[in-house]
Amino acid sequence: MKLYTMQETKKLLNVTRMTLLSWEQKGKLHPVRTPGGTRRYREEEIHSLLGETTEESIGRVYVYCRVSTKKQEQSGNLQRQKERLVYHCHTKGYTVVKVFEEVASGINENRKELKAMFGSLESVERIVVEYPDRLARFGYRYIEMLCALAGVELETVEKNAVQEPDKEMVEDLIAIITSFSARLYGARGGRKIKKCLSELERERGANDENHN
């Protein structure tokens, strides 16, 4: 009986360490322990999972697209994002089970499409997004760990690309400050802070145009 290390098994199955541990908990894998407590994986179990994931799981993905504003959606940003991601999936040989599209801030905790996607993770092996912040501005690592526990990997297409600071980030920061201001000073105070910040942002944009 041939045994493989965790690193070799991860490479053969194209999955993360968290996915292997999740499969172990679900009884899909039964690793052998060395005297030192290190896991070793049986060749026959790896071949069995390799056939299962190749035919049923690894090729099945969800695509998640998000922009922050209606203006971005109307200008075609959301559609172009969707087209790029679907094209990426097709080039990788994935089967797109569903595309989830959303117009909402990255710090919004009540995103309908995001909740619907996380409510049916058993149907796929991967979630494909353009950038990590499409899923969340903050707490992406927690989402990644939770998905791994469900045996689902997050694949970010442009994770190594350098993104320029954009209006969306400024809008999210304004939303955060407004939220805390409203808690401290009430709704009226929150609106006042938001108005001041928006005016400052417009002035900054006008100055940038004058310098170009």
C-alpha atoms as a PDB file:
ATOM      1  CA  MET A   1       0.000   0.000   0.000  1.00  0.00           C
ATOM      2  CA  LYS A   2       1.549   3.298  -1.109  1.00  0.00           C
ATOM      3  CA  LEU A   3       1.165   6.309   1.177  1.00  0.00           C
ATOM      4  CA  TYR A   4       1.398   9.989   0.261  1.00  0.00           C
ATOM      5  CA  THR A   5       2.296  13.009   2.381  1.00  0.00           C
ATOM      6  CA  MET A   6      -0.228  15.804   2.865  1.00  0.00           C
ATOM      7  CA  GLN A   7       1.749  18.035   0.479  1.00  0.00           C
ATOM      8  CA  GLU A   8       1.704  15.354  -2.225  1.00  0.00           C
ATOM      9  CA  THR A   9      -2.000  14.685  -1.658  1.00  0.00           C
ATOM     10  CA  LYS A  10      -2.865  18.392  -1.873  1.00  0.00           C
ATOM     11  CA  LYS A  11      -1.023  18.603  -5.182  1.00  0.00           C
ATOM     12  CA  LEU A  12      -2.616  15.455  -6.621  1.00  0.00           C
ATOM     13  CA  LEU A  13      -6.152  16.514  -5.710  1.00  0.00           C
ATOM     14  CA  ASN A  14      -5.578  20.242  -6.303  1.00  0.00           C
ATOM     15  CA  VAL A  15      -7.096  21.184  -2.941  1.00  0.00           C
ATOM     16  CA  THR A  16      -6.058  22.972   0.243  1.00  0.00           C
ATOM     17  CA  ARG A  17      -5.047  21.551   3.607  1.00  0.00           C
ATOM     18  CA  MET A  18      -8.384  22.704   5.051  1.00  0.00           C
ATOM     19  CA  THR A  19     -10.255  20.736   2.379  1.00  0.00           C
ATOM     20  CA  LEU A  20      -8.329  17.557   3.241  1.00  0.00           C
ATOM     21  CA  LEU A  21      -9.148  18.014   6.919  1.00  0.00           C
ATOM     22  CA  SER A  22     -12.802  18.632   6.055  1.00  0.00           C
ATOM     23  CA  TRP A  23     -12.935  15.430   3.972  1.00  0.00           C
ATOM     24  CA  GLU A  24     -11.315  13.569   6.856  1.00  0.00           C
ATOM     25  CA  GLN A  25     -14.044  14.803   9.211  1.00  0.00           C
ATOM     26  CA  LYS A  26     -16.707  13.720   6.718  1.00  0.00           C
ATOM     27  CA  GLY A  27     -15.171  10.255   6.408  1.00  0.00           C
ATOM     28  CA  LYS A  28     -14.016  10.636   2.815  1.00  0.00           C
ATOM     29  CA  LEU A  29     -10.380  10.198   3.848  1.00  0.00           C
ATOM     30  CA  HIS A  30      -8.885   7.929   6.509  1.00  0.00           C
ATOM     31  CA  PRO A  31      -5.228   8.942   6.852  1.00  0.00           C
ATOM     32  CA  VAL A  32      -2.661   6.708   8.490  1.00  0.00           C
ATOM     33  CA  ARG A  33      -0.683   8.265  11.342  1.00  0.00           C
ATOM     34  CA  THR A  34       3.078   7.860  11.587  1.00  0.00           C
ATOM     35  CA  PRO A  35       4.688   7.323  15.028  1.00  0.00           C
ATOM     36  CA  GLY A  36       5.263  11.083  15.090  1.00  0.00           C
ATOM     37  CA  GLY A  37       1.583  11.810  14.404  1.00  0.00           C
ATOM     38  CA  THR A  38       2.014  12.937  10.790  1.00  0.00           C
ATOM     39  CA  ARG A  39      -0.763  12.106   8.337  1.00  0.00           C
ATOM     40  CA  ARG A  40      -0.163   9.800   5.393  1.00  0.00           C
ATOM     41  CA  TYR A  41      -2.848   9.234   2.762  1.00  0.00           C
ATOM     42  CA  ARG A  42      -3.665   5.908   1.072  1.00  0.00           C
ATOM     43  CA  GLU A  43      -3.162   5.709  -2.674  1.00  0.00           C
ATOM     44  CA  GLU A  44      -6.519   3.996  -3.300  1.00  0.00           C
ATOM     45  CA  GLU A  45      -8.440   6.691  -1.413  1.00  0.00           C
ATOM     46  CA  ILE A  46      -6.678   9.415  -3.371  1.00  0.00           C
ATOM     47  CA  HIS A  47      -7.539   7.716  -6.683  1.00  0.00           C
ATOM     48  CA  SER A  48     -11.136   7.324  -5.555  1.00  0.00           C
ATOM     49  CA  LEU A  49     -11.414  10.998  -4.636  1.00  0.00           C
ATOM     50  CA  LEU A  50      -9.559  12.059  -7.752  1.00  0.00           C
ATOM     51  CA  GLY A  51     -12.160  10.350  -9.917  1.00  0.00           C
ATOM     52  CA  GLU A  52     -15.026  11.761  -7.855  1.00  0.00           C
ATOM     53  CA  THR A  53     -13.791  15.326  -7.818  1.00  0.00           C
ATOM     54  CA  THR A  54     -12.764  15.284 -11.458  1.00  0.00           C
ATOM     55  CA  GLU A  55     -16.171  14.117 -12.609  1.00  0.00           C
ATOM     56  CA  GLU A  56     -18.451  15.811 -10.102  1.00  0.00           C
ATOM     57  CA  SER A  57     -16.929  18.492  -7.914  1.00  0.00           C
ATOM     58  CA  ILE A  58     -13.791  20.279  -9.010  1.00  0.00           C
ATOM     59  CA  GLY A  59     -15.419  21.361 -12.274  1.00  0.00           C
ATOM     60  CA  ARG A  60     -18.526  22.774 -10.589  1.00  0.00           C
ATOM     61  CA  VAL A  61     -18.261  26.403  -9.516  1.00  0.00           C
ATOM     62  CA  TYR A  62     -20.226  29.451  -8.458  1.00  0.00           C
ATOM     63  CA  VAL A  63     -19.281  32.825  -9.882  1.00  0.00           C
ATOM     64  CA  TYR A  64     -19.806  35.883  -7.674  1.00  0.00           C
ATOM     65  CA  CYS A  65     -19.804  39.400  -9.154  1.00  0.00           C
ATOM     66  CA  ARG A  66     -20.314  42.665  -7.308  1.00  0.00           C
ATOM     67  CA  VAL A  67     -20.175  46.421  -7.876  1.00  0.00           C
ATOM     68  CA  SER A  68     -20.933  49.051  -5.258  1.00  0.00           C
ATOM     69  CA  THR A  69     -23.289  51.405  -7.065  1.00  0.00           C
ATOM     70  CA  LYS A  70     -26.089  51.493  -9.628  1.00  0.00           C
ATOM     71  CA  LYS A  71     -23.981  53.885 -11.656  1.00  0.00           C
ATOM     72  CA  GLN A  72     -21.260  51.250 -11.978  1.00  0.00           C
ATOM     73  CA  GLU A  73     -23.854  48.687 -13.024  1.00  0.00           C
ATOM     74  CA  GLN A  74     -25.376  51.034 -15.617  1.00  0.00           C
ATOM     75  CA  SER A  75     -21.944  51.799 -17.079  1.00  0.00           C
ATOM     76  CA  GLY A  76     -21.463  48.073 -17.748  1.00  0.00           C
ATOM     77  CA  ASN A  77     -18.924  47.283 -15.031  1.00  0.00           C
ATOM     78  CA  LEU A  78     -20.979  44.441 -13.582  1.00  0.00           C
ATOM     79  CA  GLN A  79     -21.619  42.835 -16.967  1.00  0.00           C
ATOM     80  CA  ARG A  80     -17.957  43.062 -17.976  1.00  0.00           C
ATOM     81  CA  GLN A  81     -16.898  41.554 -14.643  1.00  0.00           C
ATOM     82  CA  LYS A  82     -19.326  38.685 -15.212  1.00  0.00           C
ATOM     83  CA  GLU A  83     -18.058  38.084 -18.744  1.00  0.00           C
ATOM     84  CA  ARG A  84     -14.412  38.022 -17.608  1.00  0.00           C
ATOM     85  CA  LEU A  85     -15.134  35.518 -14.858  1.00  0.00           C
ATOM     86  CA  VAL A  86     -17.292  33.221 -16.990  1.00  0.00           C
ATOM     87  CA  TYR A  87     -14.602  33.254 -19.697  1.00  0.00           C
ATOM     88  CA  HIS A  88     -11.964  32.376 -17.074  1.00  0.00           C
ATOM     89  CA  CYS A  89     -14.083  29.446 -15.878  1.00  0.00           C
ATOM     90  CA  HIS A  90     -14.554  28.138 -19.400  1.00  0.00           C
ATOM     91  CA  THR A  91     -10.800  28.281 -20.082  1.00  0.00           C
ATOM     92  CA  LYS A  92     -10.186  26.277 -16.894  1.00  0.00           C
ATOM     93  CA  GLY A  93     -12.780  23.685 -17.889  1.00  0.00           C
ATOM     94  CA  TYR A  94     -15.149  24.543 -15.014  1.00  0.00           C
ATOM     95  CA  THR A  95     -18.913  24.117 -15.154  1.00  0.00           C
ATOM     96  CA  VAL A  96     -20.570  27.315 -13.968  1.00  0.00           C
ATOM     97  CA  VAL A  97     -23.511  26.181 -11.839  1.00  0.00           C
ATOM     98  CA  LYS A  98     -24.750  29.725 -11.192  1.00  0.00           C
ATOM     99  CA  VAL A  99     -23.636  33.349 -11.448  1.00  0.00           C
ATOM    100  CA  PHE A 100     -24.512  35.531  -8.455  1.00  0.00           C
ATOM    101  CA  GLU A 101     -24.647  39.252  -9.315  1.00  0.00           C
ATOM    102  CA  GLU A 102     -24.994  42.030  -6.778  1.00  0.00           C
ATOM    103  CA  VAL A 103     -25.033  45.820  -6.496  1.00  0.00           C
ATOM    104  CA  ALA A 104     -23.968  46.534  -2.917  1.00  0.00           C
ATOM    105  CA  SER A 105     -21.126  47.880  -0.831  1.00  0.00           C
ATOM    106  CA  GLY A 106     -18.348  45.490   0.138  1.00  0.00           C
ATOM    107  CA  ILE A 107     -19.045  46.249   3.800  1.00  0.00           C
ATOM    108  CA  ASN A 108     -22.779  45.550   3.520  1.00  0.00           C
ATOM    109  CA  GLU A 109     -23.625  42.610   5.803  1.00  0.00           C
ATOM    110  CA  ASN A 110     -27.076  42.021   4.279  1.00  0.00           C
ATOM    111  CA  ARG A 111     -26.270  41.064   0.711  1.00  0.00           C
ATOM    112  CA  LYS A 112     -29.061  38.837  -0.589  1.00  0.00           C
ATOM    113  CA  GLU A 113     -27.074  37.094  -3.326  1.00  0.00           C
ATOM    114  CA  LEU A 114     -24.065  36.473  -1.087  1.00  0.00           C
ATOM    115  CA  LYS A 115     -26.298  34.856   1.530  1.00  0.00           C
ATOM    116  CA  ALA A 116     -28.014  32.709  -1.102  1.00  0.00           C
ATOM    117  CA  MET A 117     -24.644  31.512  -2.416  1.00  0.00           C
ATOM    118  CA  PHE A 118     -23.307  30.599   1.026  1.00  0.00           C
ATOM    119  CA  GLY A 119     -26.555  28.792   1.754  1.00  0.00           C
ATOM    120  CA  SER A 120     -25.927  26.199  -0.973  1.00  0.00           C
ATOM    121  CA  LEU A 121     -22.187  25.475  -0.897  1.00  0.00           C
ATOM    122  CA  GLU A 122     -22.763  21.732  -1.058  1.00  0.00           C
ATOM    123  CA  SER A 123     -23.459  22.067  -4.797  1.00  0.00           C
ATOM    124  CA  VAL A 124     -19.953  23.199  -5.797  1.00  0.00           C
ATOM    125  CA  GLU A 125     -16.239  22.815  -5.157  1.00  0.00           C
ATOM    126  CA  ARG A 126     -15.183  26.396  -5.833  1.00  0.00           C
ATOM    127  CA  ILE A 127     -16.323  30.003  -5.742  1.00  0.00           C
ATOM    128  CA  VAL A 128     -14.694  32.189  -8.387  1.00  0.00           C
ATOM    129  CA  VAL A 129     -14.388  35.962  -7.854  1.00  0.00           C
ATOM    130  CA  GLU A 130     -12.329  38.666  -9.524  1.00  0.00           C
ATOM    131  CA  TYR A 131     -10.714  40.138  -6.395  1.00  0.00           C
ATOM    132  CA  PRO A 132     -10.973  39.183  -2.713  1.00  0.00           C
ATOM    133  CA  ASP A 133     -12.784  42.462  -1.987  1.00  0.00           C
ATOM    134  CA  ARG A 134     -15.629  41.443  -4.295  1.00  0.00           C
ATOM    135  CA  LEU A 135     -16.661  39.116  -1.453  1.00  0.00           C
ATOM    136  CA  ALA A 136     -15.742  41.396   1.439  1.00  0.00           C
ATOM    137  CA  ARG A 137     -13.706  44.522   2.107  1.00  0.00           C
ATOM    138  CA  PHE A 138     -12.857  43.159   5.548  1.00  0.00           C
ATOM    139  CA  GLY A 139     -12.753  39.649   6.972  1.00  0.00           C
ATOM    140  CA  TYR A 140     -11.951  37.811   3.732  1.00  0.00           C
ATOM    141  CA  ARG A 141      -9.726  35.324   5.581  1.00  0.00           C
ATOM    142  CA  TYR A 142     -12.602  34.314   7.830  1.00  0.00           C
ATOM    143  CA  ILE A 143     -14.783  33.663   4.793  1.00  0.00           C
ATOM    144  CA  GLU A 144     -11.967  31.634   3.249  1.00  0.00           C
ATOM    145  CA  MET A 145     -11.654  29.473   6.371  1.00  0.00           C
ATOM    146  CA  LEU A 146     -15.410  28.902   6.630  1.00  0.00           C
ATOM    147  CA  CYS A 147     -15.587  27.864   2.970  1.00  0.00           C
ATOM    148  CA  ALA A 148     -12.670  25.485   3.484  1.00  0.00           C
ATOM    149  CA  LEU A 149     -14.532  23.822   6.343  1.00  0.00           C
ATOM    150  CA  ALA A 150     -17.360  23.189   3.869  1.00  0.00           C
ATOM    151  CA  GLY A 151     -14.868  21.723   1.375  1.00  0.00           C
ATOM    152  CA  VAL A 152     -15.141  24.739  -0.944  1.00  0.00           C
ATOM    153  CA  GLU A 153     -12.197  26.728  -2.263  1.00  0.00           C
ATOM    154  CA  LEU A 154     -12.157  30.429  -3.117  1.00  0.00           C
ATOM    155  CA  GLU A 155     -10.452  31.244  -6.385  1.00  0.00           C
ATOM    156  CA  THR A 156      -9.554  34.882  -7.045  1.00  0.00           C
ATOM    157  CA  VAL A 157      -8.715  35.537 -10.676  1.00  0.00           C
ATOM    158  CA  GLU A 158      -6.817  38.812 -10.213  1.00  0.00           C
ATOM    159  CA  LYS A 159      -5.348  38.326  -6.731  1.00  0.00           C
ATOM    160  CA  ASN A 160      -1.838  39.313  -7.843  1.00  0.00           C
ATOM    161  CA  ALA A 161      -2.878  42.341  -9.894  1.00  0.00           C
ATOM    162  CA  VAL A 162      -2.208  45.838  -8.556  1.00  0.00           C
ATOM    163  CA  GLN A 163      -5.426  47.784  -8.155  1.00  0.00           C
ATOM    164  CA  GLU A 164      -5.457  51.564  -8.284  1.00  0.00           C
ATOM    165  CA  PRO A 165      -7.324  53.415  -5.511  1.00  0.00           C
ATOM    166  CA  ASP A 166     -10.846  54.000  -6.776  1.00  0.00           C
ATOM    167  CA  LYS A 167     -14.058  55.741  -5.885  1.00  0.00           C
ATOM    168  CA  GLU A 168     -15.551  52.519  -4.552  1.00  0.00           C
ATOM    169  CA  MET A 169     -13.007  52.344  -1.726  1.00  0.00           C
ATOM    170  CA  VAL A 170     -13.731  55.976  -0.811  1.00  0.00           C
ATOM    171  CA  GLU A 171     -17.475  55.259  -0.768  1.00  0.00           C
ATOM    172  CA  ASP A 172     -16.945  52.293   1.551  1.00  0.00           C
ATOM    173  CA  LEU A 173     -14.856  54.425   3.913  1.00  0.00           C
ATOM    174  CA  ILE A 174     -17.574  57.086   3.905  1.00  0.00           C
ATOM    175  CA  ALA A 175     -20.137  54.385   4.725  1.00  0.00           C
ATOM    176  CA  ILE A 176     -18.056  53.199   7.693  1.00  0.00           C
ATOM    177  CA  ILE A 177     -17.564  56.709   9.095  1.00  0.00           C
ATOM    178  CA  THR A 178     -21.238  57.551   8.548  1.00  0.00           C
ATOM    179  CA  SER A 179     -22.327  54.395  10.366  1.00  0.00           C
ATOM    180  CA  PHE A 180     -20.187  55.109  13.411  1.00  0.00           C
ATOM    181  CA  SER A 181     -21.164  58.792  13.399  1.00  0.00           C
ATOM    182  CA  ALA A 182     -24.847  57.853  13.378  1.00  0.00           C
ATOM    183  CA  ARG A 183     -24.297  55.599  16.389  1.00  0.00           C
ATOM    184  CA  LEU A 184     -22.466  58.330  18.271  1.00  0.00           C
ATOM    185  CA  TYR A 185     -24.521  61.367  17.305  1.00  0.00           C
ATOM    186  CA  GLY A 186     -27.793  59.962  15.964  1.00  0.00           C
ATOM    187  CA  ALA A 187     -29.144  59.782  12.399  1.00  0.00           C
ATOM    188  CA  ARG A 188     -28.926  63.541  11.860  1.00  0.00           C
ATOM    189  CA  GLY A 189     -25.273  63.601  12.860  1.00  0.00           C
ATOM    190  CA  GLY A 190     -24.536  60.669  10.561  1.00  0.00           C
ATOM    191  CA  ARG A 191     -26.148  62.423   7.600  1.00  0.00           C
ATOM    192  CA  LYS A 192     -24.202  65.609   8.348  1.00  0.00           C
ATOM    193  CA  ILE A 193     -20.881  63.748   8.453  1.00  0.00           C
ATOM    194  CA  LYS A 194     -21.732  61.929   5.212  1.00  0.00           C
ATOM    195  CA  LYS A 195     -22.585  65.216   3.490  1.00  0.00           C
ATOM    196  CA  CYS A 196     -19.277  66.782   4.553  1.00  0.00           C
ATOM    197  CA  LEU A 197     -17.257  63.768   3.413  1.00  0.00           C
ATOM    198  CA  SER A 198     -19.077  63.654   0.070  1.00  0.00           C
ATOM    199  CA  GLU A 199     -18.342  67.342  -0.504  1.00  0.00           C
ATOM    200  CA  LEU A 200     -14.671  66.781   0.266  1.00  0.00           C
ATOM    201  CA  GLU A 201     -14.592  63.877  -2.178  1.00  0.00           C
ATOM    202  CA  ARG A 202     -16.166  65.993  -4.934  1.00  0.00           C
ATOM    203  CA  GLU A 203     -13.604  68.726  -4.314  1.00  0.00           C
ATOM    204  CA  ARG A 204     -10.779  66.179  -4.480  1.00  0.00           C
ATOM    205  CA  GLY A 205     -12.138  64.851  -7.774  1.00  0.00           C
ATOM    206  CA  ALA A 206     -12.389  68.358  -9.213  1.00  0.00           C
ATOM    207  CA  ASN A 207      -8.803  69.110  -8.167  1.00  0.00           C
ATOM    208  CA  ASP A 208      -7.577  65.904  -9.777  1.00  0.00           C
ATOM    209  CA  GLU A 209      -9.267  66.869 -13.053  1.00  0.00           C
ATOM    210  CA  ASN A 210      -7.734  70.354 -12.971  1.00  0.00           C
ATOM    211  CA  HIS A 211      -4.265  68.867 -12.540  1.00  0.00           C
ATOM    212  CA  ASN A 212      -4.685  66.451 -15.472  1.00  0.00           C
END
